[in-house]
């Protein structure tokens, strides 16, 4: 898809990123990142071994997040790394690609977690974190332009994978598993253009902000499955302007 290629911008490597954060302060408590080599057409050439770490927050995790992620206070105290160390580990993991990669997330909450973690950790490399935020790409927002459920809501990662015929592998809300499955979704989106095309028709048919003549013609095409001619277009405009 040309629109996706525009965001990738001829990169030969991208990074899929997922973060888990505290309930109230939204500090990072876990990170999963997977670097992916791309072919010239933007499809995946190779999924590399991922990076995962627990992270020590300054504030409490919160019961809702503990229940969701199964990450406890004891887990981060015993096995978590300081935020600055995690960012430095990411730089080592990506090497010279760190400043060039595009960070693909599912939703914009990951960017908020990065910003909040930086605010609570003044010893962290500020420019590196800001670069990650600047070069991030919300794949959920991108796909929502073309694919939505029957109530016009955005899909969860697991449900969007299912729509494209891919089973979620691993445990949901595990940062590394979510990052890897996001890579699978990216490839499925490229491989199954026919699914995107069919779903986009449904999205267009529900658009209410389109001019009435256009909306009426789309309804005939998509919902009523009737053909539309240039003469029909002229007539639709004529009726609207009467």
Protein backbone atom coordinates (compact mmCIF):
# COMPACT_ATOMS: atom_id res chain seq x y z
CA UNK A 1 0.00 0.00 0.00
CA UNK A 2 1.40 3.36 -1.04
CA UNK A 3 0.10 5.09 2.08
CA UNK A 4 1.94 2.61 4.32
CA UNK A 5 5.08 2.93 2.21
CA UNK A 6 4.95 6.68 2.75
CA UNK A 7 5.24 6.17 6.50
CA UNK A 8 7.99 3.55 6.18
CA UNK A 9 9.85 5.99 3.92
CA UNK A 10 12.24 3.50 2.28
CA UNK A 11 13.62 2.21 5.59
CA UNK A 12 15.24 -1.21 5.51
CA UNK A 13 14.59 -1.79 9.21
CA UNK A 14 11.73 -0.91 11.58
CA UNK A 15 11.06 -1.73 15.24
CA UNK A 16 7.81 -2.95 16.74
CA UNK A 17 7.42 -1.67 20.29
CA UNK A 18 5.05 -2.44 23.15
CA UNK A 19 5.18 -0.99 26.66
CA UNK A 20 3.28 -1.74 29.85
CA UNK A 21 2.83 1.13 32.29
CA UNK A 22 1.66 1.86 35.81
CA UNK A 23 -2.02 2.52 36.41
CA UNK A 24 -1.82 6.13 37.58
CA UNK A 25 1.60 7.64 36.83
CA UNK A 26 1.89 5.78 33.47
CA UNK A 27 5.55 4.89 34.01
CA UNK A 28 7.08 1.99 32.14
CA UNK A 29 7.12 -1.36 33.95
CA UNK A 30 7.84 -3.61 30.95
CA UNK A 31 9.16 -3.22 27.44
CA UNK A 32 9.15 -5.48 24.40
CA UNK A 33 10.88 -4.51 21.16
CA UNK A 34 11.43 -6.46 17.94
CA UNK A 35 13.58 -5.19 15.10
CA UNK A 36 12.53 -6.29 11.64
CA UNK A 37 14.44 -6.21 8.36
CA UNK A 38 12.35 -5.16 5.35
CA UNK A 39 12.34 -5.94 1.67
CA UNK A 40 12.21 -3.12 -0.85
CA UNK A 41 8.42 -3.37 -1.06
CA UNK A 42 8.10 -2.83 2.70
CA UNK A 43 7.20 -6.43 3.54
CA UNK A 44 9.08 -8.31 6.24
CA UNK A 45 12.33 -10.00 5.29
CA UNK A 46 13.36 -11.15 8.77
CA UNK A 47 12.07 -10.83 12.34
CA UNK A 48 15.09 -10.65 14.63
CA UNK A 49 15.32 -11.87 18.21
CA UNK A 50 13.47 -9.44 20.45
CA UNK A 51 14.42 -7.43 23.51
CA UNK A 52 12.43 -7.65 26.76
CA UNK A 53 12.89 -6.19 30.21
CA UNK A 54 10.98 -5.31 33.33
CA UNK A 55 11.44 -1.70 34.42
CA UNK A 56 11.48 -0.16 37.90
CA UNK A 57 8.92 2.66 38.22
CA UNK A 58 9.06 5.40 40.83
CA UNK A 59 5.39 4.87 41.76
CA UNK A 60 3.11 1.92 42.49
CA UNK A 61 1.94 -0.29 39.65
CA UNK A 62 -1.75 -0.34 40.57
CA UNK A 63 -4.15 -3.29 40.97
CA UNK A 64 -5.78 -2.97 37.53
CA UNK A 65 -2.40 -3.22 35.79
CA UNK A 66 -1.23 -6.07 38.03
CA UNK A 67 -4.37 -8.04 37.19
CA UNK A 68 -3.97 -7.29 33.48
CA UNK A 69 -0.25 -7.92 33.08
CA UNK A 70 0.47 -10.19 36.06
CA UNK A 71 3.50 -8.01 36.80
CA UNK A 72 3.77 -7.41 40.54
CA UNK A 73 5.68 -4.97 42.74
CA UNK A 74 8.01 -7.80 43.73
CA UNK A 75 8.69 -8.61 40.06
CA UNK A 76 9.90 -5.11 39.22
CA UNK A 77 11.86 -4.78 42.48
CA UNK A 78 13.70 -8.06 41.92
CA UNK A 79 14.09 -8.12 38.14
CA UNK A 80 13.37 -4.61 36.90
CA UNK A 81 16.03 -2.29 35.48
CA UNK A 82 16.17 1.50 35.84
CA UNK A 83 14.56 3.34 32.93
CA UNK A 84 17.87 4.89 31.81
CA UNK A 85 19.46 1.42 31.64
CA UNK A 86 16.61 0.10 29.51
CA UNK A 87 17.00 2.96 27.01
CA UNK A 88 20.74 2.32 26.82
CA UNK A 89 20.05 -1.41 26.33
CA UNK A 90 17.71 -0.51 23.45
CA UNK A 91 20.49 1.53 21.84
CA UNK A 92 22.81 -1.48 22.07
CA UNK A 93 20.09 -3.78 20.73
CA UNK A 94 19.51 -1.62 17.64
CA UNK A 95 23.05 -0.38 17.17
CA UNK A 96 23.44 2.30 14.53
CA UNK A 97 19.80 1.77 13.49
CA UNK A 98 18.57 3.39 16.73
CA UNK A 99 18.54 6.89 15.23
CA UNK A 100 17.07 5.68 11.90
CA UNK A 101 14.36 3.21 12.87
CA UNK A 102 10.63 3.81 12.93
CA UNK A 103 9.01 2.74 16.22
CA UNK A 104 5.71 1.06 15.38
CA UNK A 105 3.20 0.84 18.23
CA UNK A 106 -0.44 -0.23 18.54
CA UNK A 107 -2.11 2.84 20.01
CA UNK A 108 -0.56 6.05 21.32
CA UNK A 109 -0.31 5.05 24.98
CA UNK A 110 3.26 3.84 24.46
CA UNK A 111 4.35 7.36 23.55
CA UNK A 112 2.72 8.64 26.74
CA UNK A 113 4.54 6.00 28.79
CA UNK A 114 7.86 7.09 27.28
CA UNK A 115 7.15 10.75 28.08
CA UNK A 116 5.99 10.01 31.63
CA UNK A 117 8.94 7.73 32.33
CA UNK A 118 11.30 10.44 31.16
CA UNK A 119 9.59 12.96 33.46
CA UNK A 120 10.14 10.69 36.46
CA UNK A 121 13.73 9.78 35.48
CA UNK A 122 15.77 12.91 34.91
CA UNK A 123 18.95 10.84 34.63
CA UNK A 124 17.67 9.11 31.48
CA UNK A 125 18.99 10.12 28.02
CA UNK A 126 16.41 12.77 27.15
CA UNK A 127 17.32 13.17 23.48
CA UNK A 128 17.09 9.42 22.84
CA UNK A 129 13.64 9.14 24.38
CA UNK A 130 12.39 12.21 22.53
CA UNK A 131 13.72 10.73 19.29
CA UNK A 132 11.72 7.55 19.93
CA UNK A 133 8.56 9.55 20.48
CA UNK A 134 9.16 11.69 17.40
CA UNK A 135 9.80 8.69 15.15
CA UNK A 136 6.86 6.59 16.34
CA UNK A 137 3.98 5.39 14.17
CA UNK A 138 0.63 4.34 15.62
CA UNK A 139 -0.40 1.33 13.52
CA UNK A 140 -3.80 1.13 15.26
CA UNK A 141 -4.68 4.65 14.16
CA UNK A 142 -3.44 3.91 10.64
CA UNK A 143 -5.47 0.72 10.18
CA UNK A 144 -8.57 2.34 11.73
CA UNK A 145 -8.80 4.54 8.64
CA UNK A 146 -9.61 1.43 6.61
CA UNK A 147 -10.87 -1.20 9.07
CA UNK A 148 -13.42 -0.83 11.90
CA UNK A 149 -15.89 -3.15 13.60
CA UNK A 150 -19.65 -3.14 13.03
CA UNK A 151 -20.04 -0.31 15.55
CA UNK A 152 -17.33 1.76 13.85
CA UNK A 153 -14.94 1.19 16.77
CA UNK A 154 -11.27 0.32 16.42
CA UNK A 155 -10.22 -3.30 16.83
CA UNK A 156 -7.96 -4.64 19.56
CA UNK A 157 -4.68 -6.16 18.40
CA UNK A 158 -5.94 -9.72 18.94
CA UNK A 159 -9.24 -9.10 17.12
CA UNK A 160 -7.56 -7.36 14.22
CA UNK A 161 -5.19 -10.29 13.85
CA UNK A 162 -8.20 -12.62 13.82
CA UNK A 163 -9.84 -10.54 11.08
CA UNK A 164 -6.73 -11.09 8.94
CA UNK A 165 -6.68 -14.82 9.71
CA UNK A 166 -3.79 -14.81 12.18
CA UNK A 167 -3.92 -16.39 15.65
CA UNK A 168 -2.35 -14.41 18.50
CA UNK A 169 0.82 -16.23 19.57
CA UNK A 170 1.86 -16.09 23.21
CA UNK A 171 0.24 -14.23 26.09
CA UNK A 172 -1.62 -10.96 25.60
CA UNK A 173 -0.28 -7.98 27.59
CA UNK A 174 3.17 -9.51 27.63
CA UNK A 175 5.17 -6.68 26.07
CA UNK A 176 7.38 -8.88 23.90
CA UNK A 177 4.49 -11.08 22.72
CA UNK A 178 2.46 -7.98 21.83
CA UNK A 179 5.38 -6.51 19.88
CA UNK A 180 5.92 -9.74 17.93
CA UNK A 181 2.22 -10.10 17.15
CA UNK A 182 2.15 -6.51 15.97
CA UNK A 183 4.85 -7.49 13.45
CA UNK A 184 2.63 -10.39 12.33
CA UNK A 185 -0.28 -7.98 11.90
CA UNK A 186 1.87 -5.61 9.84
CA UNK A 187 2.75 -8.44 7.44
CA UNK A 188 -0.85 -9.71 7.29
CA UNK A 189 -2.03 -6.21 6.41
CA UNK A 190 0.39 -6.22 3.47
CA UNK A 191 -0.39 -9.78 2.38
CA UNK A 192 -4.19 -9.56 2.48
CA UNK A 193 -5.06 -6.40 0.61
CA UNK A 194 -8.40 -7.90 -0.37
CA UNK A 195 -9.50 -7.95 3.28
CA UNK A 196 -8.54 -4.31 3.72
CA UNK A 197 -10.37 -3.38 0.51
CA UNK A 198 -13.57 -5.13 1.58
CA UNK A 199 -13.46 -3.64 5.08
CA UNK A 200 -12.72 -0.16 3.72
CA UNK A 201 -15.88 -0.34 1.61
CA UNK A 202 -17.87 -0.90 4.80
CA UNK A 203 -16.15 2.04 6.49
CA UNK A 204 -16.88 4.31 3.54
CA UNK A 205 -20.52 3.26 3.47
CA UNK A 206 -20.91 4.42 7.07
CA UNK A 207 -19.25 7.79 6.57
CA UNK A 208 -21.73 10.56 7.41
CA UNK A 209 -19.52 13.56 6.84
CA UNK A 210 -19.28 12.94 3.11
CA UNK A 211 -21.34 15.19 0.82
CA UNK A 212 -24.82 13.72 0.43
CA UNK A 213 -24.49 12.98 -3.32
CA UNK A 214 -21.32 10.97 -2.72
CA UNK A 215 -22.81 9.18 0.28
CA UNK A 216 -25.90 8.20 -1.70
CA UNK A 217 -23.81 6.75 -4.52
CA UNK A 218 -21.60 4.81 -2.11
CA UNK A 219 -24.71 3.38 -0.46
CA UNK A 220 -25.94 2.16 -3.84
CA UNK A 221 -22.55 0.65 -4.67
CA UNK A 222 -21.68 -0.98 -1.35
CA UNK A 223 -24.90 -1.59 0.55
CA UNK A 224 -27.38 -2.11 -2.27
CA UNK A 225 -24.70 -3.61 -4.57
CA UNK A 226 -26.01 -1.70 -7.59
CA UNK A 227 -23.95 -0.23 -10.40
CA UNK A 228 -23.46 3.53 -10.63
CA UNK A 229 -22.95 5.48 -13.85
CA UNK A 230 -21.81 9.04 -14.58
CA UNK A 231 -25.46 9.82 -15.27
CA UNK A 232 -26.36 8.59 -11.76
CA UNK A 233 -23.72 10.92 -10.36
CA UNK A 234 -25.20 13.86 -12.26
CA UNK A 235 -28.70 12.96 -11.07
CA UNK A 236 -27.58 12.66 -7.47
CA UNK A 237 -26.08 16.13 -7.57
CA UNK A 238 -29.18 17.50 -9.30
CA UNK A 239 -31.48 16.08 -6.61
CA UNK A 240 -29.28 17.41 -3.83
CA UNK A 241 -29.28 20.93 -5.26
CA UNK A 242 -33.03 21.12 -5.92
